[in-house]
Amino acid sequence: MKRSGTHRSRVLLVCAALVGAPLFAGLAMPSAVYAQSAAKMSNQQLDSLTAPIALYPDALLAQVLMAATFPQDVQAAAAWSKANSKLQGDDAVKAVASEPWDPSVQSLVAFPQVLATMASKPDWVSQLGTAFLGQSNDVMDSVQRLRKQAQAAGNLKTSSQQKVVVEESTIQIVPANPQVVYVPYL
């Protein structure tokens, strides 16, 4: 699949914003760049899309959101991951370095269960990717809304697997050990 320069530019802008600022501090991005022909999704629709991933550690969440903008790559990576299940973690990522997939998708081969889930729900991946490209601030707000609800219910707290960091109104989730990323199951 040939990617348009516009799509690549959108993803690169989003990636730059994610790397250059706290993940959910409210990304300031030109709305013209992200204008989509699809109707704007409601908060309820966005919450439904982000609920399965809202409690992922920030770095993994960012990769999933970016990868969702390349749904065909996600399918190919999931098939590769299933066929090469003996390769894990960094070894798997190194093995796909020459694949034509977006780097966000390549990074997900280190998380075969995440890829398998994404591959089993192609419509969700496509909708999430469209929402992320068209309404990135709203997607980030949705994640924060869900994290606040989980924290208020006592379901989001620091543990031996993760650190929950609250700065102003932003909740960040980072691995307790930077070398090990746990994927929550809900």
N, C-alpha and C. Protein backbone atom coordinates (compact mmCIF):
# COMPACT_ATOMS: atom_id res chain seq x y z
N MET A 1 0.84 -1.18 0.00
CA MET A 1 0.00 0.00 0.00
C MET A 1 0.88 1.24 0.00
N LYS A 2 0.63 2.13 -0.88
CA LYS A 2 1.37 3.37 -0.93
C LYS A 2 0.68 4.37 -0.01
N ARG A 3 1.47 4.99 0.84
CA ARG A 3 0.90 5.96 1.77
C ARG A 3 1.01 7.35 1.18
N SER A 4 -0.01 8.14 1.43
CA SER A 4 0.04 9.52 0.93
C SER A 4 0.95 10.34 1.81
N GLY A 5 1.53 11.35 1.23
CA GLY A 5 2.38 12.26 1.99
C GLY A 5 1.60 12.95 3.09
N THR A 6 0.31 13.23 2.85
CA THR A 6 -0.52 13.89 3.85
C THR A 6 -0.68 13.00 5.07
N HIS A 7 -0.95 11.72 4.87
CA HIS A 7 -1.11 10.80 5.98
C HIS A 7 0.18 10.73 6.79
N ARG A 8 1.29 10.55 6.11
CA ARG A 8 2.59 10.47 6.78
C ARG A 8 2.86 11.76 7.55
N SER A 9 2.54 12.91 6.98
CA SER A 9 2.76 14.19 7.66
C SER A 9 1.92 14.30 8.92
N ARG A 10 0.67 13.85 8.84
CA ARG A 10 -0.20 13.87 10.02
C ARG A 10 0.39 13.03 11.14
N VAL A 11 0.78 11.81 10.80
CA VAL A 11 1.31 10.90 11.81
C VAL A 11 2.60 11.46 12.39
N LEU A 12 3.46 12.01 11.55
CA LEU A 12 4.72 12.57 12.04
C LEU A 12 4.47 13.76 12.96
N LEU A 13 3.50 14.61 12.62
CA LEU A 13 3.17 15.72 13.50
C LEU A 13 2.66 15.23 14.85
N VAL A 14 1.80 14.23 14.81
CA VAL A 14 1.27 13.67 16.05
C VAL A 14 2.40 13.04 16.85
N CYS A 15 3.27 12.29 16.19
CA CYS A 15 4.40 11.66 16.88
C CYS A 15 5.29 12.71 17.52
N ALA A 16 5.60 13.77 16.79
CA ALA A 16 6.44 14.83 17.32
C ALA A 16 5.79 15.46 18.54
N ALA A 17 4.50 15.66 18.47
CA ALA A 17 3.80 16.26 19.60
C ALA A 17 3.80 15.31 20.80
N LEU A 18 3.64 14.02 20.56
CA LEU A 18 3.65 13.05 21.66
C LEU A 18 5.01 12.96 22.32
N VAL A 19 6.05 13.00 21.52
CA VAL A 19 7.40 12.88 22.05
C VAL A 19 7.84 14.16 22.73
N GLY A 20 7.42 15.30 22.20
CA GLY A 20 7.90 16.58 22.69
C GLY A 20 7.16 17.12 23.89
N ALA A 21 6.09 16.50 24.31
CA ALA A 21 5.30 17.00 25.43
C ALA A 21 4.78 15.82 26.22
N PRO A 22 4.34 16.06 27.47
CA PRO A 22 3.71 14.96 28.19
C PRO A 22 2.60 14.39 27.33
N LEU A 23 2.47 13.10 27.37
CA LEU A 23 1.61 12.40 26.43
C LEU A 23 0.19 12.93 26.35
N PHE A 24 -0.39 13.30 27.44
CA PHE A 24 -1.78 13.70 27.41
C PHE A 24 -1.99 15.12 27.93
N ALA A 25 -1.04 15.98 27.69
CA ALA A 25 -1.13 17.35 28.19
C ALA A 25 -1.97 18.23 27.28
N GLY A 26 -2.58 17.68 26.28
CA GLY A 26 -3.40 18.46 25.36
C GLY A 26 -2.53 18.93 24.21
N LEU A 27 -2.59 18.19 23.14
CA LEU A 27 -1.72 18.48 22.00
C LEU A 27 -2.27 19.67 21.23
N ALA A 28 -1.41 20.63 20.93
CA ALA A 28 -1.80 21.78 20.13
C ALA A 28 -1.40 21.51 18.69
N MET A 29 -2.38 21.18 17.85
CA MET A 29 -2.09 20.86 16.47
C MET A 29 -3.02 21.64 15.56
N PRO A 30 -2.51 22.06 14.43
CA PRO A 30 -3.35 22.83 13.51
C PRO A 30 -4.56 22.02 13.06
N SER A 31 -5.74 22.56 13.25
CA SER A 31 -6.95 21.82 12.92
C SER A 31 -7.07 21.57 11.42
N ALA A 32 -6.54 22.46 10.60
CA ALA A 32 -6.63 22.27 9.15
C ALA A 32 -5.91 21.01 8.70
N VAL A 33 -4.82 20.69 9.39
CA VAL A 33 -4.04 19.50 9.05
C VAL A 33 -4.86 18.24 9.32
N TYR A 34 -5.71 18.28 10.33
CA TYR A 34 -6.44 17.10 10.75
C TYR A 34 -7.89 17.09 10.30
N ALA A 35 -8.26 18.02 9.48
CA ALA A 35 -9.65 18.07 9.02
C ALA A 35 -9.99 16.77 8.30
N GLN A 36 -11.06 16.17 8.68
CA GLN A 36 -11.50 14.92 8.08
C GLN A 36 -12.89 15.13 7.51
N SER A 37 -13.22 14.35 6.51
CA SER A 37 -14.55 14.45 5.92
C SER A 37 -15.59 13.77 6.80
N ALA A 38 -15.17 12.88 7.67
CA ALA A 38 -16.11 12.18 8.55
C ALA A 38 -16.63 13.13 9.63
N ALA A 39 -17.81 12.83 10.12
CA ALA A 39 -18.40 13.63 11.18
C ALA A 39 -17.60 13.46 12.45
N LYS A 40 -17.58 14.49 13.24
CA LYS A 40 -16.87 14.47 14.52
C LYS A 40 -17.55 13.48 15.46
N MET A 41 -16.73 12.67 16.12
CA MET A 41 -17.26 11.68 17.06
C MET A 41 -17.57 12.34 18.40
N SER A 42 -18.59 11.84 19.06
CA SER A 42 -18.96 12.35 20.38
C SER A 42 -18.01 11.80 21.43
N ASN A 43 -18.05 12.39 22.62
CA ASN A 43 -17.23 11.90 23.72
C ASN A 43 -17.56 10.44 24.04
N GLN A 44 -18.83 10.10 23.98
CA GLN A 44 -19.25 8.72 24.26
C GLN A 44 -18.67 7.75 23.23
N GLN A 45 -18.69 8.14 21.95
CA GLN A 45 -18.12 7.29 20.91
C GLN A 45 -16.61 7.14 21.11
N LEU A 46 -15.94 8.25 21.42
CA LEU A 46 -14.50 8.20 21.64
C LEU A 46 -14.16 7.35 22.85
N ASP A 47 -14.93 7.49 23.92
CA ASP A 47 -14.68 6.67 25.12
C ASP A 47 -14.83 5.19 24.80
N SER A 48 -15.79 4.86 23.97
CA SER A 48 -15.98 3.47 23.56
C SER A 48 -14.77 2.96 22.78
N LEU A 49 -14.21 3.82 21.93
CA LEU A 49 -13.03 3.43 21.15
C LEU A 49 -11.77 3.31 22.00
N THR A 50 -11.60 4.21 22.95
CA THR A 50 -10.35 4.22 23.73
C THR A 50 -10.40 3.34 24.97
N ALA A 51 -11.58 2.90 25.39
CA ALA A 51 -11.69 2.10 26.61
C ALA A 51 -10.76 0.88 26.64
N PRO A 52 -10.61 0.13 25.53
CA PRO A 52 -9.74 -1.05 25.60
C PRO A 52 -8.25 -0.74 25.82
N ILE A 53 -7.85 0.50 25.57
CA ILE A 53 -6.42 0.83 25.64
C ILE A 53 -6.08 1.97 26.60
N ALA A 54 -7.07 2.57 27.22
CA ALA A 54 -6.85 3.76 28.04
C ALA A 54 -5.90 3.52 29.21
N LEU A 55 -5.84 2.30 29.70
CA LEU A 55 -4.97 2.03 30.85
C LEU A 55 -3.63 1.42 30.45
N TYR A 56 -3.34 1.41 29.17
CA TYR A 56 -2.02 0.97 28.72
C TYR A 56 -0.98 2.00 29.17
N PRO A 57 0.24 1.55 29.42
CA PRO A 57 1.32 2.51 29.71
C PRO A 57 1.43 3.51 28.55
N ASP A 58 1.78 4.74 28.86
CA ASP A 58 1.79 5.81 27.87
C ASP A 58 2.54 5.48 26.59
N ALA A 59 3.74 4.93 26.71
CA ALA A 59 4.53 4.65 25.51
C ALA A 59 3.83 3.62 24.61
N LEU A 60 3.26 2.59 25.20
CA LEU A 60 2.54 1.58 24.43
C LEU A 60 1.26 2.18 23.84
N LEU A 61 0.55 2.97 24.61
CA LEU A 61 -0.65 3.62 24.12
C LEU A 61 -0.34 4.48 22.90
N ALA A 62 0.74 5.24 22.96
CA ALA A 62 1.12 6.09 21.82
C ALA A 62 1.38 5.25 20.58
N GLN A 63 2.06 4.12 20.74
CA GLN A 63 2.34 3.25 19.60
C GLN A 63 1.06 2.65 19.03
N VAL A 64 0.15 2.25 19.89
CA VAL A 64 -1.12 1.68 19.43
C VAL A 64 -1.93 2.73 18.66
N LEU A 65 -1.99 3.94 19.18
CA LEU A 65 -2.74 5.00 18.50
C LEU A 65 -2.14 5.30 17.13
N MET A 66 -0.83 5.40 17.06
CA MET A 66 -0.18 5.67 15.78
C MET A 66 -0.34 4.50 14.83
N ALA A 67 -0.17 3.28 15.34
CA ALA A 67 -0.30 2.08 14.50
C ALA A 67 -1.71 1.96 13.94
N ALA A 68 -2.69 2.40 14.70
CA ALA A 68 -4.08 2.31 14.24
C ALA A 68 -4.32 3.14 12.98
N THR A 69 -3.43 4.07 12.69
CA THR A 69 -3.58 4.86 11.46
C THR A 69 -3.05 4.10 10.25
N PHE A 70 -2.52 2.90 10.48
CA PHE A 70 -2.02 2.02 9.42
C PHE A 70 -2.65 0.63 9.57
N PRO A 71 -3.97 0.52 9.41
CA PRO A 71 -4.66 -0.75 9.69
C PRO A 71 -4.17 -1.93 8.86
N GLN A 72 -3.77 -1.71 7.62
CA GLN A 72 -3.28 -2.84 6.81
C GLN A 72 -1.92 -3.33 7.33
N ASP A 73 -1.10 -2.40 7.79
CA ASP A 73 0.17 -2.79 8.39
C ASP A 73 -0.05 -3.62 9.66
N VAL A 74 -1.06 -3.22 10.43
CA VAL A 74 -1.37 -3.95 11.67
C VAL A 74 -1.73 -5.39 11.34
N GLN A 75 -2.55 -5.59 10.31
CA GLN A 75 -2.93 -6.94 9.92
C GLN A 75 -1.71 -7.75 9.49
N ALA A 76 -0.85 -7.15 8.70
CA ALA A 76 0.36 -7.84 8.23
C ALA A 76 1.29 -8.17 9.39
N ALA A 77 1.45 -7.24 10.32
CA ALA A 77 2.33 -7.47 11.47
C ALA A 77 1.77 -8.56 12.38
N ALA A 78 0.47 -8.58 12.53
CA ALA A 78 -0.16 -9.62 13.36
C ALA A 78 0.06 -10.99 12.74
N ALA A 79 -0.09 -11.08 11.43
CA ALA A 79 0.15 -12.36 10.74
C ALA A 79 1.61 -12.76 10.88
N TRP A 80 2.53 -11.80 10.74
CA TRP A 80 3.95 -12.09 10.91
C TRP A 80 4.23 -12.57 12.33
N SER A 81 3.66 -11.88 13.30
CA SER A 81 3.87 -12.21 14.71
C SER A 81 3.39 -13.63 15.02
N LYS A 82 2.24 -13.98 14.47
CA LYS A 82 1.69 -15.32 14.70
C LYS A 82 2.59 -16.39 14.06
N ALA A 83 3.10 -16.09 12.88
CA ALA A 83 3.97 -17.05 12.17
C ALA A 83 5.37 -17.14 12.77
N ASN A 84 5.77 -16.12 13.52
CA ASN A 84 7.12 -16.07 14.10
C ASN A 84 7.05 -15.94 15.62
N SER A 85 6.20 -16.73 16.23
CA SER A 85 5.93 -16.59 17.67
C SER A 85 7.14 -16.89 18.55
N LYS A 86 8.16 -17.52 18.00
CA LYS A 86 9.36 -17.81 18.81
C LYS A 86 10.21 -16.56 19.02
N LEU A 87 10.05 -15.57 18.14
CA LEU A 87 10.77 -14.31 18.31
C LEU A 87 9.96 -13.41 19.23
N GLN A 88 10.63 -12.86 20.25
CA GLN A 88 9.93 -12.03 21.22
C GLN A 88 10.69 -10.75 21.48
N GLY A 89 9.99 -9.76 22.00
CA GLY A 89 10.59 -8.52 22.44
C GLY A 89 11.43 -7.84 21.38
N ASP A 90 12.60 -7.38 21.81
CA ASP A 90 13.51 -6.67 20.91
C ASP A 90 13.94 -7.51 19.72
N ASP A 91 14.06 -8.82 19.91
CA ASP A 91 14.44 -9.69 18.79
C ASP A 91 13.38 -9.65 17.69
N ALA A 92 12.14 -9.64 18.07
CA ALA A 92 11.05 -9.56 17.08
C ALA A 92 11.08 -8.22 16.36
N VAL A 93 11.30 -7.14 17.12
CA VAL A 93 11.34 -5.81 16.52
C VAL A 93 12.49 -5.71 15.52
N LYS A 94 13.65 -6.25 15.88
CA LYS A 94 14.80 -6.23 14.96
C LYS A 94 14.51 -7.05 13.70
N ALA A 95 13.79 -8.14 13.87
CA ALA A 95 13.50 -9.02 12.73
C ALA A 95 12.57 -8.37 11.71
N VAL A 96 11.76 -7.40 12.13
CA VAL A 96 10.84 -6.75 11.18
C VAL A 96 11.34 -5.39 10.71
N ALA A 97 12.56 -5.06 11.05
CA ALA A 97 13.10 -3.73 10.70
C ALA A 97 13.06 -3.46 9.19
N SER A 98 13.17 -4.49 8.39
CA SER A 98 13.17 -4.29 6.93
C SER A 98 11.76 -4.37 6.32
N GLU A 99 10.77 -4.64 7.14
CA GLU A 99 9.39 -4.69 6.64
C GLU A 99 8.94 -3.26 6.29
N PRO A 100 8.04 -3.12 5.32
CA PRO A 100 7.62 -1.79 4.89
C PRO A 100 6.59 -1.12 5.81
N TRP A 101 6.39 -1.67 6.97
CA TRP A 101 5.38 -1.16 7.89
C TRP A 101 5.88 0.11 8.58
N ASP A 102 4.92 0.89 9.05
CA ASP A 102 5.25 2.06 9.83
C ASP A 102 6.00 1.63 11.10
N PRO A 103 6.95 2.44 11.56
CA PRO A 103 7.70 2.09 12.78
C PRO A 103 6.82 1.83 14.00
N SER A 104 5.68 2.51 14.10
CA SER A 104 4.78 2.27 15.22
C SER A 104 4.25 0.84 15.19
N VAL A 105 3.98 0.34 14.00
CA VAL A 105 3.50 -1.03 13.84
C VAL A 105 4.64 -2.01 14.11
N GLN A 106 5.81 -1.72 13.59
CA GLN A 106 6.98 -2.58 13.84
C GLN A 106 7.22 -2.74 15.34
N SER A 107 7.08 -1.66 16.09
CA SER A 107 7.33 -1.74 17.53
C SER A 107 6.34 -2.65 18.25
N LEU A 108 5.16 -2.81 17.69
CA LEU A 108 4.14 -3.63 18.35
C LEU A 108 4.39 -5.12 18.25
N VAL A 109 5.33 -5.57 17.39
CA VAL A 109 5.60 -7.01 17.35
C VAL A 109 6.21 -7.48 18.67
N ALA A 110 6.69 -6.55 19.47
CA ALA A 110 7.18 -6.90 20.81
C ALA A 110 6.01 -7.23 21.75
N PHE A 111 4.80 -6.92 21.32
CA PHE A 111 3.59 -7.15 22.11
C PHE A 111 2.59 -7.97 21.29
N PRO A 112 2.87 -9.26 21.09
CA PRO A 112 2.02 -10.06 20.20
C PRO A 112 0.56 -10.12 20.64
N GLN A 113 0.30 -10.06 21.94
CA GLN A 113 -1.10 -10.11 22.39
C GLN A 113 -1.83 -8.84 22.00
N VAL A 114 -1.14 -7.70 21.98
CA VAL A 114 -1.76 -6.45 21.55
C VAL A 114 -2.06 -6.52 20.05
N LEU A 115 -1.08 -6.98 19.28
CA LEU A 115 -1.29 -7.12 17.83
C LEU A 115 -2.42 -8.09 17.52
N ALA A 116 -2.48 -9.20 18.22
CA ALA A 116 -3.54 -10.18 17.99
C ALA A 116 -4.91 -9.57 18.26
N THR A 117 -5.01 -8.80 19.34
CA THR A 117 -6.27 -8.13 19.65
C THR A 117 -6.64 -7.14 18.57
N MET A 118 -5.66 -6.35 18.13
CA MET A 118 -5.93 -5.37 17.08
C MET A 118 -6.34 -6.07 15.78
N ALA A 119 -5.67 -7.15 15.44
CA ALA A 119 -5.99 -7.88 14.21
C ALA A 119 -7.39 -8.49 14.26
N SER A 120 -7.83 -8.86 15.44
CA SER A 120 -9.15 -9.48 15.58
C SER A 120 -10.29 -8.45 15.51
N LYS A 121 -9.93 -7.17 15.56
CA LYS A 121 -10.94 -6.11 15.54
C LYS A 121 -10.58 -5.04 14.50
N PRO A 122 -10.55 -5.42 13.22
CA PRO A 122 -10.10 -4.45 12.20
C PRO A 122 -10.97 -3.20 12.09
N ASP A 123 -12.27 -3.32 12.32
CA ASP A 123 -13.13 -2.13 12.25
C ASP A 123 -12.79 -1.16 13.38
N TRP A 124 -12.55 -1.70 14.57
CA TRP A 124 -12.17 -0.87 15.71
C TRP A 124 -10.85 -0.15 15.43
N VAL A 125 -9.87 -0.88 14.89
CA VAL A 125 -8.57 -0.29 14.57
C VAL A 125 -8.75 0.86 13.58
N SER A 126 -9.52 0.63 12.55
CA SER A 126 -9.74 1.64 11.53
C SER A 126 -10.43 2.87 12.13
N GLN A 127 -11.45 2.65 12.94
CA GLN A 127 -12.16 3.77 13.57
C GLN A 127 -11.25 4.52 14.53
N LEU A 128 -10.44 3.79 15.30
CA LEU A 128 -9.52 4.43 16.24
C LEU A 128 -8.50 5.27 15.48
N GLY A 129 -7.96 4.73 14.40
CA GLY A 129 -7.00 5.47 13.59
C GLY A 129 -7.60 6.73 12.99
N THR A 130 -8.81 6.62 12.48
CA THR A 130 -9.50 7.78 11.92
C THR A 130 -9.74 8.84 13.00
N ALA A 131 -10.18 8.40 14.16
CA ALA A 131 -10.41 9.33 15.26
C ALA A 131 -9.11 10.00 15.69
N PHE A 132 -8.05 9.22 15.77
CA PHE A 132 -6.76 9.78 16.21
C PHE A 132 -6.25 10.81 15.22
N LEU A 133 -6.39 10.55 13.94
CA LEU A 133 -5.95 11.52 12.94
C LEU A 133 -6.85 12.76 12.90
N GLY A 134 -8.13 12.56 13.06
CA GLY A 134 -9.08 13.66 12.91
C GLY A 134 -9.38 14.42 14.18
N GLN A 135 -9.24 13.76 15.33
CA GLN A 135 -9.61 14.37 16.60
C GLN A 135 -8.60 13.99 17.68
N SER A 136 -7.34 14.18 17.42
CA SER A 136 -6.32 13.71 18.36
C SER A 136 -6.49 14.30 19.76
N ASN A 137 -6.80 15.58 19.86
CA ASN A 137 -7.00 16.17 21.19
C ASN A 137 -8.16 15.51 21.91
N ASP A 138 -9.24 15.25 21.18
CA ASP A 138 -10.41 14.62 21.78
C ASP A 138 -10.11 13.17 22.19
N VAL A 139 -9.30 12.47 21.41
CA VAL A 139 -8.90 11.11 21.77
C VAL A 139 -8.09 11.15 23.07
N MET A 140 -7.16 12.08 23.16
CA MET A 140 -6.36 12.20 24.38
C MET A 140 -7.23 12.57 25.58
N ASP A 141 -8.20 13.46 25.36
CA ASP A 141 -9.13 13.82 26.44
C ASP A 141 -9.93 12.61 26.88
N SER A 142 -10.32 11.77 25.94
CA SER A 142 -11.07 10.56 26.26
C SER A 142 -10.25 9.63 27.15
N VAL A 143 -8.99 9.44 26.78
CA VAL A 143 -8.11 8.59 27.58
C VAL A 143 -8.01 9.15 29.01
N GLN A 144 -7.84 10.45 29.13
CA GLN A 144 -7.74 11.06 30.45
C GLN A 144 -9.04 10.89 31.24
N ARG A 145 -10.16 11.06 30.58
CA ARG A 145 -11.46 10.88 31.23
C ARG A 145 -11.58 9.46 31.80
N LEU A 146 -11.23 8.48 30.98
CA LEU A 146 -11.33 7.08 31.42
C LEU A 146 -10.32 6.77 32.52
N ARG A 147 -9.14 7.33 32.44
CA ARG A 147 -8.14 7.12 33.50
C ARG A 147 -8.62 7.71 34.82
N LYS A 148 -9.23 8.88 34.76
CA LYS A 148 -9.74 9.51 35.98
C LYS A 148 -10.85 8.67 36.59
N GLN A 149 -11.72 8.13 35.75
CA GLN A 149 -12.79 7.26 36.25
C GLN A 149 -12.20 6.01 36.89
N ALA A 150 -11.21 5.42 36.25
CA ALA A 150 -10.58 4.21 36.80
C ALA A 150 -9.88 4.51 38.12
N GLN A 151 -9.23 5.66 38.18
CA GLN A 151 -8.53 6.03 39.42
C GLN A 151 -9.55 6.28 40.53
N ALA A 152 -10.63 6.98 40.24
CA ALA A 152 -11.66 7.25 41.24
C ALA A 152 -12.30 5.96 41.75
N ALA A 153 -12.40 4.96 40.88
CA ALA A 153 -12.99 3.67 41.28
C ALA A 153 -11.97 2.76 41.98
N GLY A 154 -10.73 3.24 42.09
CA GLY A 154 -9.69 2.44 42.75
C GLY A 154 -9.04 1.41 41.84
N ASN A 155 -9.27 1.51 40.54
CA ASN A 155 -8.74 0.53 39.58
C ASN A 155 -7.48 0.99 38.86
N LEU A 156 -6.98 2.16 39.20
CA LEU A 156 -5.76 2.66 38.59
C LEU A 156 -4.89 3.24 39.69
N LYS A 157 -3.84 2.53 40.01
CA LYS A 157 -2.91 2.99 41.04
C LYS A 157 -1.53 2.42 40.79
N THR A 158 -0.55 2.99 41.44
CA THR A 158 0.82 2.52 41.33
C THR A 158 0.89 1.10 41.89
N SER A 159 1.66 0.27 41.19
CA SER A 159 1.83 -1.12 41.61
C SER A 159 3.26 -1.55 41.31
N SER A 160 3.54 -2.81 41.48
CA SER A 160 4.89 -3.31 41.17
C SER A 160 5.13 -3.32 39.66
N GLN A 161 4.06 -3.24 38.85
CA GLN A 161 4.21 -3.23 37.40
C GLN A 161 4.22 -1.83 36.79
N GLN A 162 3.57 -0.88 37.44
CA GLN A 162 3.43 0.45 36.84
C GLN A 162 3.45 1.55 37.89
N LYS A 163 3.78 2.74 37.42
CA LYS A 163 3.69 3.95 38.23
C LYS A 163 2.61 4.82 37.62
N VAL A 164 1.73 5.31 38.46
CA VAL A 164 0.70 6.25 38.03
C VAL A 164 1.13 7.62 38.53
N VAL A 165 1.37 8.52 37.60
CA VAL A 165 1.87 9.85 37.93
C VAL A 165 0.79 10.87 37.56
N VAL A 166 0.40 11.67 38.55
CA VAL A 166 -0.60 12.71 38.30
C VAL A 166 0.10 14.05 38.37
N GLU A 167 0.06 14.76 37.26
CA GLU A 167 0.61 16.11 37.19
C GLU A 167 -0.50 17.03 36.73
N GLU A 168 -0.89 17.96 37.60
CA GLU A 168 -2.03 18.83 37.34
C GLU A 168 -3.23 17.96 37.03
N SER A 169 -3.78 18.05 35.84
CA SER A 169 -4.97 17.24 35.54
C SER A 169 -4.64 16.08 34.60
N THR A 170 -3.37 15.75 34.47
CA THR A 170 -2.93 14.70 33.55
C THR A 170 -2.48 13.47 34.33
N ILE A 171 -3.00 12.32 33.93
CA ILE A 171 -2.59 11.05 34.54
C ILE A 171 -1.70 10.33 33.54
N GLN A 172 -0.47 10.06 33.96
CA GLN A 172 0.47 9.31 33.13
C GLN A 172 0.66 7.93 33.74
N ILE A 173 0.84 6.94 32.88
CA ILE A 173 1.12 5.58 33.33
C ILE A 173 2.45 5.18 32.72
N VAL A 174 3.40 4.84 33.58
CA VAL A 174 4.73 4.45 33.11
C VAL A 174 5.11 3.13 33.77
N PRO A 175 5.92 2.32 33.11
CA PRO A 175 6.35 1.06 33.70
C PRO A 175 7.18 1.30 34.97
N ALA A 176 6.98 0.48 35.98
CA ALA A 176 7.80 0.58 37.18
C ALA A 176 9.25 0.26 36.85
N ASN A 177 9.44 -0.70 35.95
CA ASN A 177 10.77 -1.05 35.45
C ASN A 177 10.77 -0.69 33.97
N PRO A 178 11.57 0.29 33.55
CA PRO A 178 11.55 0.71 32.15
C PRO A 178 11.87 -0.41 31.15
N GLN A 179 12.45 -1.50 31.61
CA GLN A 179 12.80 -2.61 30.73
C GLN A 179 11.64 -3.60 30.53
N VAL A 180 10.59 -3.46 31.32
CA VAL A 180 9.47 -4.38 31.25
C VAL A 180 8.16 -3.59 31.17
N VAL A 181 7.38 -3.84 30.13
CA VAL A 181 6.10 -3.18 29.97
C VAL A 181 5.01 -4.23 30.12
N TYR A 182 4.15 -4.02 31.12
CA TYR A 182 3.02 -4.91 31.34
C TYR A 182 1.81 -4.38 30.61
N VAL A 183 1.10 -5.26 29.94
CA VAL A 183 -0.11 -4.89 29.23
C VAL A 183 -1.29 -5.28 30.11
N PRO A 184 -2.08 -4.31 30.55
CA PRO A 184 -3.22 -4.65 31.41
C PRO A 184 -4.30 -5.39 30.64
N TYR A 185 -4.95 -6.29 31.31
CA TYR A 185 -6.10 -7.02 30.75
C TYR A 185 -7.31 -6.60 31.54
N LEU A 186 -8.33 -6.18 30.82
CA LEU A 186 -9.55 -5.71 31.50
C LEU A 186 -10.67 -6.69 31.30
